[in-house]
Amino acid sequence: MNERETQLRDLLVRGLGGDASAYHVFLKDLSTHLRGFLRVRLARLPDDVEDLVQETLLAVHNQRHTYDLDQPLTAWIHAIARYKLVDLLRRRAGREMLNDPLDDELEVFAVSDHDAADARRDLGKLLEQLPERQRLPIVHMKLEGLSVAEAARATGMSEAAVKVGVHRGLKALAELIRSGHENG
């Protein structure tokens, strides 16, 4: 665990134990961390960063009782932030599809948001076809960016099983894509 992870985790644990001051510092430090995390992912939508930080902080607060002390805190927080980010992109894609773009530049963004939403939906459908021992390692490692060790802890699988699951799952996804194109 890195120093930042340890510090945030300690503040949260103290906050969960009733230390309101520690919890306040946790939320303040977390908001700084989230701004950096989300600013990178929302480079083209900088006006949405602060709203997403607040939505994520609220979700972390509301779900704090679900945090497993044996799991990495930042992985748990990043997963919440990613879900909030996907929700934002879905909302934006829906709004942009209802409005005519003002110029060509906006049209490019609307198309890319729409394509990204389609790709996420299609990937979700493909992943649903995989057994859990393949799907979960792919989701945790390839989509959420967890390490092998973090994915193993999140799934309850061994690190070797996670690696095998990713390898076999990606191979199965490739076959599903090939067979879909041949049949489609």
N, C-alpha and C. Protein backbone atom coordinates (compact mmCIF):
# COMPACT_ATOMS: atom_id res chain seq x y z
N MET A 1 0.84 -1.18 0.00
CA MET A 1 0.00 0.00 0.00
C MET A 1 0.89 1.24 0.00
N ASN A 2 0.60 2.20 -0.86
CA ASN A 2 1.40 3.40 -0.88
C ASN A 2 0.98 4.34 0.25
N GLU A 3 1.77 5.39 0.46
CA GLU A 3 1.53 6.31 1.57
C GLU A 3 0.17 7.00 1.47
N ARG A 4 -0.18 7.39 0.26
CA ARG A 4 -1.46 8.08 0.03
C ARG A 4 -2.64 7.17 0.38
N GLU A 5 -2.55 5.94 -0.10
CA GLU A 5 -3.59 4.93 0.18
C GLU A 5 -3.71 4.72 1.69
N THR A 6 -2.57 4.57 2.36
CA THR A 6 -2.56 4.33 3.80
C THR A 6 -3.19 5.50 4.55
N GLN A 7 -2.83 6.72 4.15
CA GLN A 7 -3.35 7.92 4.81
C GLN A 7 -4.87 8.02 4.64
N LEU A 8 -5.35 7.87 3.40
CA LEU A 8 -6.79 7.96 3.15
C LEU A 8 -7.56 6.86 3.89
N ARG A 9 -7.01 5.65 3.86
CA ARG A 9 -7.67 4.52 4.51
C ARG A 9 -7.75 4.76 6.02
N ASP A 10 -6.66 5.24 6.61
CA ASP A 10 -6.64 5.50 8.05
C ASP A 10 -7.70 6.55 8.42
N LEU A 11 -7.79 7.61 7.62
CA LEU A 11 -8.79 8.65 7.89
C LEU A 11 -10.20 8.11 7.79
N LEU A 12 -10.46 7.28 6.77
CA LEU A 12 -11.79 6.70 6.61
C LEU A 12 -12.12 5.78 7.78
N VAL A 13 -11.19 4.91 8.15
CA VAL A 13 -11.43 3.98 9.25
C VAL A 13 -11.72 4.74 10.54
N ARG A 14 -10.94 5.79 10.79
CA ARG A 14 -11.20 6.61 11.99
C ARG A 14 -12.57 7.28 11.89
N GLY A 15 -12.92 7.75 10.68
CA GLY A 15 -14.22 8.36 10.48
C GLY A 15 -15.35 7.37 10.70
N LEU A 16 -15.18 6.15 10.19
CA LEU A 16 -16.19 5.11 10.39
C LEU A 16 -16.34 4.77 11.86
N GLY A 17 -15.25 4.96 12.61
CA GLY A 17 -15.28 4.69 14.05
C GLY A 17 -15.87 5.84 14.86
N GLY A 18 -16.28 6.91 14.18
CA GLY A 18 -16.94 8.01 14.89
C GLY A 18 -16.13 9.29 14.98
N ASP A 19 -14.92 9.31 14.45
CA ASP A 19 -14.08 10.51 14.50
C ASP A 19 -14.50 11.45 13.36
N ALA A 20 -15.38 12.40 13.68
CA ALA A 20 -15.93 13.31 12.67
C ALA A 20 -14.85 14.17 12.04
N SER A 21 -13.87 14.58 12.82
CA SER A 21 -12.78 15.41 12.30
C SER A 21 -11.97 14.64 11.25
N ALA A 22 -11.65 13.39 11.55
CA ALA A 22 -10.89 12.56 10.61
C ALA A 22 -11.71 12.33 9.33
N TYR A 23 -13.01 12.12 9.48
CA TYR A 23 -13.87 11.89 8.31
C TYR A 23 -13.92 13.15 7.44
N HIS A 24 -13.98 14.32 8.07
CA HIS A 24 -13.97 15.58 7.32
C HIS A 24 -12.67 15.72 6.52
N VAL A 25 -11.54 15.41 7.16
CA VAL A 25 -10.25 15.48 6.46
C VAL A 25 -10.21 14.45 5.33
N PHE A 26 -10.76 13.26 5.59
CA PHE A 26 -10.84 12.22 4.55
C PHE A 26 -11.57 12.75 3.31
N LEU A 27 -12.75 13.34 3.52
CA LEU A 27 -13.53 13.85 2.38
C LEU A 27 -12.79 14.98 1.66
N LYS A 28 -12.14 15.84 2.42
CA LYS A 28 -11.39 16.96 1.82
C LYS A 28 -10.22 16.43 0.99
N ASP A 29 -9.43 15.50 1.57
CA ASP A 29 -8.29 14.92 0.83
C ASP A 29 -8.77 14.11 -0.36
N LEU A 30 -9.87 13.38 -0.17
CA LEU A 30 -10.41 12.57 -1.26
C LEU A 30 -10.87 13.45 -2.41
N SER A 31 -11.47 14.60 -2.10
CA SER A 31 -11.94 15.48 -3.18
C SER A 31 -10.76 15.96 -4.03
N THR A 32 -9.62 16.24 -3.39
CA THR A 32 -8.43 16.65 -4.14
C THR A 32 -7.95 15.50 -5.03
N HIS A 33 -7.91 14.31 -4.47
CA HIS A 33 -7.50 13.12 -5.23
C HIS A 33 -8.44 12.87 -6.42
N LEU A 34 -9.75 12.98 -6.16
CA LEU A 34 -10.73 12.73 -7.21
C LEU A 34 -10.64 13.77 -8.34
N ARG A 35 -10.40 15.03 -7.98
CA ARG A 35 -10.26 16.06 -9.01
C ARG A 35 -9.17 15.68 -10.00
N GLY A 36 -8.02 15.26 -9.49
CA GLY A 36 -6.93 14.85 -10.38
C GLY A 36 -7.30 13.63 -11.21
N PHE A 37 -7.90 12.64 -10.55
CA PHE A 37 -8.30 11.41 -11.23
C PHE A 37 -9.30 11.70 -12.35
N LEU A 38 -10.29 12.56 -12.07
CA LEU A 38 -11.34 12.83 -13.04
C LEU A 38 -10.92 13.87 -14.08
N ARG A 39 -10.05 14.78 -13.71
CA ARG A 39 -9.60 15.80 -14.67
C ARG A 39 -8.92 15.13 -15.87
N VAL A 40 -8.16 14.09 -15.60
CA VAL A 40 -7.49 13.35 -16.69
C VAL A 40 -8.52 12.68 -17.59
N ARG A 41 -9.56 12.11 -16.99
CA ARG A 41 -10.57 11.37 -17.75
C ARG A 41 -11.60 12.28 -18.42
N LEU A 42 -11.69 13.53 -17.96
CA LEU A 42 -12.65 14.46 -18.53
C LEU A 42 -11.94 15.65 -19.16
N ALA A 43 -10.81 15.40 -19.80
CA ALA A 43 -10.03 16.49 -20.40
C ALA A 43 -10.87 17.31 -21.38
N ARG A 44 -11.78 16.66 -22.08
CA ARG A 44 -12.61 17.38 -23.06
C ARG A 44 -13.88 17.96 -22.45
N LEU A 45 -14.12 17.64 -21.19
CA LEU A 45 -15.32 18.14 -20.50
C LEU A 45 -14.92 18.75 -19.14
N PRO A 46 -14.03 19.72 -19.12
CA PRO A 46 -13.51 20.23 -17.84
C PRO A 46 -14.58 20.84 -16.94
N ASP A 47 -15.66 21.34 -17.52
CA ASP A 47 -16.72 21.95 -16.71
C ASP A 47 -17.48 20.92 -15.88
N ASP A 48 -17.37 19.65 -16.23
CA ASP A 48 -18.10 18.61 -15.52
C ASP A 48 -17.31 17.99 -14.38
N VAL A 49 -16.02 18.33 -14.26
CA VAL A 49 -15.17 17.70 -13.24
C VAL A 49 -15.72 17.93 -11.84
N GLU A 50 -16.00 19.17 -11.49
CA GLU A 50 -16.43 19.47 -10.11
C GLU A 50 -17.76 18.80 -9.78
N ASP A 51 -18.69 18.78 -10.72
CA ASP A 51 -19.97 18.10 -10.47
C ASP A 51 -19.74 16.61 -10.22
N LEU A 52 -18.86 16.02 -11.01
CA LEU A 52 -18.59 14.60 -10.86
C LEU A 52 -17.85 14.31 -9.55
N VAL A 53 -16.96 15.20 -9.14
CA VAL A 53 -16.29 15.05 -7.84
C VAL A 53 -17.34 15.01 -6.74
N GLN A 54 -18.29 15.95 -6.78
CA GLN A 54 -19.32 16.02 -5.74
C GLN A 54 -20.22 14.78 -5.77
N GLU A 55 -20.60 14.33 -6.96
CA GLU A 55 -21.42 13.12 -7.07
C GLU A 55 -20.69 11.91 -6.50
N THR A 56 -19.40 11.83 -6.80
CA THR A 56 -18.60 10.69 -6.31
C THR A 56 -18.44 10.75 -4.80
N LEU A 57 -18.17 11.94 -4.26
CA LEU A 57 -18.05 12.08 -2.80
C LEU A 57 -19.35 11.67 -2.11
N LEU A 58 -20.48 12.07 -2.69
CA LEU A 58 -21.77 11.72 -2.12
C LEU A 58 -21.98 10.19 -2.16
N ALA A 59 -21.61 9.58 -3.28
CA ALA A 59 -21.74 8.12 -3.40
C ALA A 59 -20.82 7.41 -2.40
N VAL A 60 -19.58 7.89 -2.26
CA VAL A 60 -18.65 7.30 -1.29
C VAL A 60 -19.25 7.42 0.11
N HIS A 61 -19.77 8.60 0.43
CA HIS A 61 -20.38 8.81 1.75
C HIS A 61 -21.56 7.85 1.96
N ASN A 62 -22.43 7.76 0.98
CA ASN A 62 -23.62 6.91 1.12
C ASN A 62 -23.28 5.43 1.15
N GLN A 63 -22.17 5.04 0.51
CA GLN A 63 -21.80 3.63 0.44
C GLN A 63 -20.64 3.26 1.37
N ARG A 64 -20.24 4.18 2.25
CA ARG A 64 -19.06 3.94 3.09
C ARG A 64 -19.19 2.66 3.90
N HIS A 65 -20.39 2.27 4.26
CA HIS A 65 -20.60 1.05 5.04
C HIS A 65 -20.29 -0.21 4.23
N THR A 66 -20.20 -0.09 2.90
CA THR A 66 -19.92 -1.27 2.07
C THR A 66 -18.43 -1.49 1.85
N TYR A 67 -17.59 -0.53 2.28
CA TYR A 67 -16.16 -0.68 2.06
C TYR A 67 -15.63 -1.86 2.88
N ASP A 68 -14.94 -2.77 2.22
CA ASP A 68 -14.32 -3.93 2.84
C ASP A 68 -12.90 -3.54 3.25
N LEU A 69 -12.63 -3.55 4.55
CA LEU A 69 -11.32 -3.11 5.06
C LEU A 69 -10.15 -3.94 4.52
N ASP A 70 -10.44 -5.13 3.99
CA ASP A 70 -9.38 -5.97 3.42
C ASP A 70 -9.05 -5.62 1.98
N GLN A 71 -9.83 -4.71 1.39
CA GLN A 71 -9.64 -4.34 -0.02
C GLN A 71 -8.93 -2.99 -0.11
N PRO A 72 -8.22 -2.74 -1.22
CA PRO A 72 -7.58 -1.43 -1.40
C PRO A 72 -8.64 -0.33 -1.50
N LEU A 73 -8.46 0.72 -0.73
CA LEU A 73 -9.43 1.82 -0.70
C LEU A 73 -9.51 2.53 -2.03
N THR A 74 -8.37 2.85 -2.63
CA THR A 74 -8.42 3.63 -3.88
C THR A 74 -9.08 2.84 -5.00
N ALA A 75 -8.93 1.53 -5.03
CA ALA A 75 -9.60 0.72 -6.06
C ALA A 75 -11.11 0.82 -5.88
N TRP A 76 -11.57 0.77 -4.63
CA TRP A 76 -13.00 0.89 -4.32
C TRP A 76 -13.51 2.27 -4.74
N ILE A 77 -12.77 3.30 -4.40
CA ILE A 77 -13.16 4.67 -4.73
C ILE A 77 -13.14 4.89 -6.24
N HIS A 78 -12.09 4.40 -6.91
CA HIS A 78 -12.00 4.58 -8.37
C HIS A 78 -13.14 3.86 -9.07
N ALA A 79 -13.56 2.71 -8.55
CA ALA A 79 -14.69 2.00 -9.15
C ALA A 79 -15.95 2.86 -9.05
N ILE A 80 -16.17 3.47 -7.89
CA ILE A 80 -17.34 4.36 -7.73
C ILE A 80 -17.23 5.53 -8.69
N ALA A 81 -16.04 6.13 -8.78
CA ALA A 81 -15.85 7.29 -9.67
C ALA A 81 -16.09 6.89 -11.12
N ARG A 82 -15.63 5.70 -11.51
CA ARG A 82 -15.85 5.25 -12.90
C ARG A 82 -17.34 5.07 -13.20
N TYR A 83 -18.08 4.51 -12.24
CA TYR A 83 -19.52 4.36 -12.45
C TYR A 83 -20.18 5.72 -12.62
N LYS A 84 -19.77 6.69 -11.82
CA LYS A 84 -20.32 8.05 -11.94
C LYS A 84 -19.93 8.65 -13.28
N LEU A 85 -18.73 8.39 -13.73
CA LEU A 85 -18.25 8.89 -15.02
C LEU A 85 -19.07 8.28 -16.16
N VAL A 86 -19.30 6.98 -16.11
CA VAL A 86 -20.11 6.32 -17.14
C VAL A 86 -21.53 6.89 -17.14
N ASP A 87 -22.09 7.11 -15.95
CA ASP A 87 -23.42 7.72 -15.87
C ASP A 87 -23.43 9.09 -16.54
N LEU A 88 -22.40 9.90 -16.27
CA LEU A 88 -22.31 11.23 -16.88
C LEU A 88 -22.24 11.11 -18.40
N LEU A 89 -21.41 10.21 -18.89
CA LEU A 89 -21.26 10.05 -20.34
C LEU A 89 -22.56 9.56 -20.98
N ARG A 90 -23.28 8.70 -20.28
CA ARG A 90 -24.58 8.24 -20.80
C ARG A 90 -25.56 9.40 -20.88
N ARG A 91 -25.59 10.21 -19.80
CA ARG A 91 -26.50 11.37 -19.81
C ARG A 91 -26.14 12.32 -20.94
N ARG A 92 -24.84 12.59 -21.11
CA ARG A 92 -24.40 13.51 -22.16
C ARG A 92 -24.74 12.96 -23.53
N ALA A 93 -24.50 11.66 -23.75
CA ALA A 93 -24.78 11.06 -25.05
C ALA A 93 -26.27 11.17 -25.36
N GLY A 94 -27.11 10.94 -24.36
CA GLY A 94 -28.55 11.05 -24.56
C GLY A 94 -28.97 12.46 -24.92
N ARG A 95 -28.43 13.45 -24.21
CA ARG A 95 -28.77 14.86 -24.49
C ARG A 95 -28.29 15.26 -25.87
N GLU A 96 -27.07 14.85 -26.21
CA GLU A 96 -26.51 15.28 -27.49
C GLU A 96 -27.23 14.63 -28.66
N MET A 97 -27.81 13.46 -28.45
CA MET A 97 -28.55 12.82 -29.54
C MET A 97 -29.89 13.52 -29.75
N LEU A 98 -30.38 14.26 -28.74
CA LEU A 98 -31.66 14.95 -28.87
C LEU A 98 -31.51 16.32 -29.52
N ASN A 99 -30.30 16.87 -29.54
CA ASN A 99 -30.08 18.22 -30.05
C ASN A 99 -29.22 18.19 -31.29
N ASP A 100 -29.50 19.13 -32.21
CA ASP A 100 -28.65 19.27 -33.38
C ASP A 100 -27.35 19.91 -32.96
N PRO A 101 -26.19 19.40 -33.43
CA PRO A 101 -24.92 20.02 -33.09
C PRO A 101 -24.84 21.43 -33.68
N LEU A 102 -24.16 22.33 -32.96
CA LEU A 102 -24.03 23.71 -33.41
C LEU A 102 -23.00 23.85 -34.51
N ASP A 103 -21.98 23.02 -34.48
CA ASP A 103 -20.97 23.07 -35.53
C ASP A 103 -20.33 21.69 -35.68
N ASP A 104 -19.43 21.58 -36.65
CA ASP A 104 -18.82 20.28 -36.94
C ASP A 104 -18.06 19.71 -35.75
N GLU A 105 -17.40 20.58 -34.97
CA GLU A 105 -16.63 20.10 -33.83
C GLU A 105 -17.53 19.40 -32.82
N LEU A 106 -18.67 19.99 -32.52
CA LEU A 106 -19.60 19.37 -31.58
C LEU A 106 -20.15 18.06 -32.14
N GLU A 107 -20.35 18.01 -33.44
CA GLU A 107 -20.86 16.79 -34.06
C GLU A 107 -19.86 15.64 -33.87
N VAL A 108 -18.58 15.93 -34.00
CA VAL A 108 -17.55 14.90 -33.79
C VAL A 108 -17.63 14.37 -32.37
N PHE A 109 -17.78 15.28 -31.38
CA PHE A 109 -17.86 14.82 -30.00
C PHE A 109 -19.12 14.00 -29.76
N ALA A 110 -20.24 14.40 -30.34
CA ALA A 110 -21.48 13.66 -30.15
C ALA A 110 -21.34 12.26 -30.71
N VAL A 111 -20.73 12.15 -31.87
CA VAL A 111 -20.56 10.83 -32.49
C VAL A 111 -19.64 9.97 -31.63
N SER A 112 -18.54 10.55 -31.13
CA SER A 112 -17.62 9.74 -30.36
C SER A 112 -18.25 9.30 -29.04
N ASP A 113 -19.04 10.16 -28.38
CA ASP A 113 -19.72 9.77 -27.16
C ASP A 113 -20.72 8.65 -27.46
N HIS A 114 -21.46 8.79 -28.56
CA HIS A 114 -22.44 7.78 -28.94
C HIS A 114 -21.75 6.46 -29.25
N ASP A 115 -20.66 6.52 -30.02
CA ASP A 115 -19.92 5.31 -30.35
C ASP A 115 -19.36 4.65 -29.09
N ALA A 116 -18.85 5.47 -28.17
CA ALA A 116 -18.31 4.92 -26.93
C ALA A 116 -19.41 4.23 -26.13
N ALA A 117 -20.58 4.83 -26.08
CA ALA A 117 -21.70 4.22 -25.35
C ALA A 117 -22.11 2.91 -26.01
N ASP A 118 -22.15 2.89 -27.35
CA ASP A 118 -22.46 1.66 -28.07
C ASP A 118 -21.41 0.58 -27.79
N ALA A 119 -20.16 0.99 -27.81
CA ALA A 119 -19.08 0.03 -27.57
C ALA A 119 -19.18 -0.55 -26.16
N ARG A 120 -19.46 0.30 -25.16
CA ARG A 120 -19.61 -0.18 -23.78
C ARG A 120 -20.77 -1.17 -23.69
N ARG A 121 -21.88 -0.85 -24.36
CA ARG A 121 -23.05 -1.73 -24.32
C ARG A 121 -22.72 -3.07 -24.99
N ASP A 122 -22.07 -3.00 -26.15
CA ASP A 122 -21.71 -4.22 -26.87
C ASP A 122 -20.73 -5.07 -26.05
N LEU A 123 -19.74 -4.40 -25.45
CA LEU A 123 -18.78 -5.13 -24.63
C LEU A 123 -19.49 -5.77 -23.45
N GLY A 124 -20.41 -5.05 -22.85
CA GLY A 124 -21.18 -5.61 -21.73
C GLY A 124 -21.93 -6.87 -22.13
N LYS A 125 -22.54 -6.85 -23.32
CA LYS A 125 -23.26 -8.03 -23.81
C LYS A 125 -22.31 -9.21 -24.03
N LEU A 126 -21.13 -8.91 -24.58
CA LEU A 126 -20.16 -9.98 -24.80
C LEU A 126 -19.67 -10.54 -23.47
N LEU A 127 -19.37 -9.66 -22.53
CA LEU A 127 -18.86 -10.11 -21.23
C LEU A 127 -19.88 -10.96 -20.50
N GLU A 128 -21.17 -10.65 -20.67
CA GLU A 128 -22.22 -11.44 -20.01
C GLU A 128 -22.20 -12.90 -20.46
N GLN A 129 -21.66 -13.15 -21.63
CA GLN A 129 -21.63 -14.52 -22.16
C GLN A 129 -20.50 -15.35 -21.57
N LEU A 130 -19.55 -14.68 -20.90
CA LEU A 130 -18.42 -15.39 -20.32
C LEU A 130 -18.76 -15.92 -18.93
N PRO A 131 -18.13 -17.02 -18.55
CA PRO A 131 -18.31 -17.48 -17.17
C PRO A 131 -17.67 -16.47 -16.21
N GLU A 132 -18.16 -16.44 -15.00
CA GLU A 132 -17.71 -15.46 -14.01
C GLU A 132 -16.19 -15.50 -13.81
N ARG A 133 -15.58 -16.69 -13.82
CA ARG A 133 -14.14 -16.82 -13.58
C ARG A 133 -13.30 -16.18 -14.69
N GLN A 134 -13.93 -15.90 -15.83
CA GLN A 134 -13.25 -15.17 -16.91
C GLN A 134 -13.70 -13.71 -16.95
N ARG A 135 -15.00 -13.51 -16.76
CA ARG A 135 -15.55 -12.15 -16.84
C ARG A 135 -14.99 -11.23 -15.75
N LEU A 136 -15.02 -11.67 -14.50
CA LEU A 136 -14.61 -10.81 -13.39
C LEU A 136 -13.15 -10.37 -13.48
N PRO A 137 -12.20 -11.28 -13.78
CA PRO A 137 -10.82 -10.81 -13.93
C PRO A 137 -10.66 -9.78 -15.05
N ILE A 138 -11.38 -9.96 -16.16
CA ILE A 138 -11.29 -8.98 -17.26
C ILE A 138 -11.85 -7.63 -16.82
N VAL A 139 -13.00 -7.65 -16.17
CA VAL A 139 -13.60 -6.40 -15.71
C VAL A 139 -12.66 -5.68 -14.75
N HIS A 140 -12.16 -6.40 -13.77
CA HIS A 140 -11.30 -5.77 -12.76
C HIS A 140 -9.97 -5.29 -13.33
N MET A 141 -9.33 -6.10 -14.14
CA MET A 141 -8.00 -5.73 -14.63
C MET A 141 -8.04 -4.85 -15.87
N LYS A 142 -8.83 -5.22 -16.85
CA LYS A 142 -8.78 -4.51 -18.13
C LYS A 142 -9.69 -3.28 -18.17
N LEU A 143 -10.80 -3.31 -17.44
CA LEU A 143 -11.72 -2.18 -17.47
C LEU A 143 -11.53 -1.24 -16.28
N GLU A 144 -11.26 -1.81 -15.10
CA GLU A 144 -11.10 -0.99 -13.91
C GLU A 144 -9.64 -0.65 -13.63
N GLY A 145 -8.71 -1.35 -14.28
CA GLY A 145 -7.30 -1.03 -14.12
C GLY A 145 -6.65 -1.57 -12.86
N LEU A 146 -7.26 -2.58 -12.24
CA LEU A 146 -6.65 -3.16 -11.04
C LEU A 146 -5.46 -4.02 -11.41
N SER A 147 -4.55 -4.19 -10.47
CA SER A 147 -3.41 -5.10 -10.67
C SER A 147 -3.91 -6.54 -10.52
N VAL A 148 -3.04 -7.49 -10.82
CA VAL A 148 -3.39 -8.90 -10.66
C VAL A 148 -3.73 -9.17 -9.20
N ALA A 149 -2.89 -8.66 -8.28
CA ALA A 149 -3.12 -8.88 -6.85
C ALA A 149 -4.44 -8.27 -6.40
N GLU A 150 -4.73 -7.05 -6.85
CA GLU A 150 -5.98 -6.40 -6.47
C GLU A 150 -7.18 -7.16 -7.03
N ALA A 151 -7.08 -7.62 -8.28
CA ALA A 151 -8.18 -8.38 -8.89
C ALA A 151 -8.38 -9.70 -8.15
N ALA A 152 -7.28 -10.32 -7.72
CA ALA A 152 -7.38 -11.57 -6.98
C ALA A 152 -8.12 -11.34 -5.66
N ARG A 153 -7.78 -10.26 -4.96
CA ARG A 153 -8.46 -9.95 -3.70
C ARG A 153 -9.94 -9.64 -3.95
N ALA A 154 -10.22 -8.89 -5.02
CA ALA A 154 -11.61 -8.50 -5.31
C ALA A 154 -12.48 -9.69 -5.68
N THR A 155 -11.89 -10.69 -6.33
CA THR A 155 -12.67 -11.84 -6.80
C THR A 155 -12.60 -13.04 -5.86
N GLY A 156 -11.62 -13.04 -4.96
CA GLY A 156 -11.42 -14.20 -4.11
C GLY A 156 -10.69 -15.33 -4.83
N MET A 157 -10.14 -15.02 -5.99
CA MET A 157 -9.40 -16.02 -6.78
C MET A 157 -7.91 -15.88 -6.49
N SER A 158 -7.15 -16.91 -6.83
CA SER A 158 -5.70 -16.79 -6.72
C SER A 158 -5.18 -15.90 -7.86
N GLU A 159 -3.97 -15.38 -7.69
CA GLU A 159 -3.41 -14.54 -8.75
C GLU A 159 -3.25 -15.34 -10.04
N ALA A 160 -2.84 -16.60 -9.91
CA ALA A 160 -2.69 -17.45 -11.10
C ALA A 160 -4.03 -17.64 -11.80
N ALA A 161 -5.09 -17.86 -11.01
CA ALA A 161 -6.42 -18.05 -11.59
C ALA A 161 -6.90 -16.78 -12.28
N VAL A 162 -6.56 -15.61 -11.73
CA VAL A 162 -6.93 -14.34 -12.35
C VAL A 162 -6.23 -14.22 -13.71
N LYS A 163 -4.94 -14.53 -13.75
CA LYS A 163 -4.18 -14.43 -15.01
C LYS A 163 -4.76 -15.39 -16.06
N VAL A 164 -5.06 -16.61 -15.63
CA VAL A 164 -5.65 -17.59 -16.54
C VAL A 164 -7.03 -17.12 -17.00
N GLY A 165 -7.80 -16.57 -16.07
CA GLY A 165 -9.14 -16.08 -16.41
C GLY A 165 -9.09 -14.97 -17.46
N VAL A 166 -8.15 -14.04 -17.30
CA VAL A 166 -8.01 -12.96 -18.28
C VAL A 166 -7.61 -13.54 -19.63
N HIS A 167 -6.61 -14.40 -19.63
CA HIS A 167 -6.12 -14.98 -20.89
C HIS A 167 -7.23 -15.75 -21.61
N ARG A 168 -7.89 -16.64 -20.89
CA ARG A 168 -8.95 -17.45 -21.51
C ARG A 168 -10.16 -16.58 -21.88
N GLY A 169 -10.46 -15.61 -21.04
CA GLY A 169 -11.60 -14.74 -21.31
C GLY A 169 -11.38 -13.89 -22.55
N LEU A 170 -10.18 -13.33 -22.70
CA LEU A 170 -9.88 -12.53 -23.90
C LEU A 170 -9.92 -13.39 -25.15
N LYS A 171 -9.43 -14.61 -25.01
CA LYS A 171 -9.48 -15.54 -26.14
C LYS A 171 -10.94 -15.86 -26.50
N ALA A 172 -11.78 -16.07 -25.48
CA ALA A 172 -13.19 -16.36 -25.72
C ALA A 172 -13.90 -15.14 -26.32
N LEU A 173 -13.55 -13.93 -25.84
CA LEU A 173 -14.15 -12.71 -26.40
C LEU A 173 -13.79 -12.58 -27.88
N ALA A 174 -12.53 -12.84 -28.21
CA ALA A 174 -12.10 -12.75 -29.61
C ALA A 174 -12.90 -13.72 -30.47
N GLU A 175 -13.13 -14.92 -29.95
CA GLU A 175 -13.90 -15.92 -30.70
C GLU A 175 -15.36 -15.47 -30.85
N LEU A 176 -15.93 -14.90 -29.80
CA LEU A 176 -17.31 -14.40 -29.87
C LEU A 176 -17.42 -13.29 -30.92
N ILE A 177 -16.43 -12.42 -30.96
CA ILE A 177 -16.43 -11.32 -31.93
C ILE A 177 -16.29 -11.88 -33.35
N ARG A 178 -15.36 -12.82 -33.53
CA ARG A 178 -15.17 -13.45 -34.86
C ARG A 178 -16.44 -14.13 -35.31
N SER A 179 -17.05 -14.92 -34.43
CA SER A 179 -18.25 -15.67 -34.83
C SER A 179 -19.42 -14.72 -35.08
N GLY A 180 -19.48 -13.61 -34.36
CA GLY A 180 -20.53 -12.62 -34.60
C GLY A 180 -20.40 -11.95 -35.93
N HIS A 181 -19.14 -11.65 -36.34
CA HIS A 181 -18.93 -11.02 -37.64
C HIS A 181 -19.19 -12.00 -38.78
N GLU A 182 -18.86 -13.27 -38.55
CA GLU A 182 -19.09 -14.26 -39.61
C GLU A 182 -20.59 -14.50 -39.78
N ASN A 183 -21.32 -14.47 -38.64
CA ASN A 183 -22.76 -14.72 -38.69
C ASN A 183 -23.57 -13.47 -38.99
N GLY A 184 -22.94 -12.26 -38.78
CA GLY A 184 -23.69 -11.03 -38.92
C GLY A 184 -23.52 -10.41 -40.21
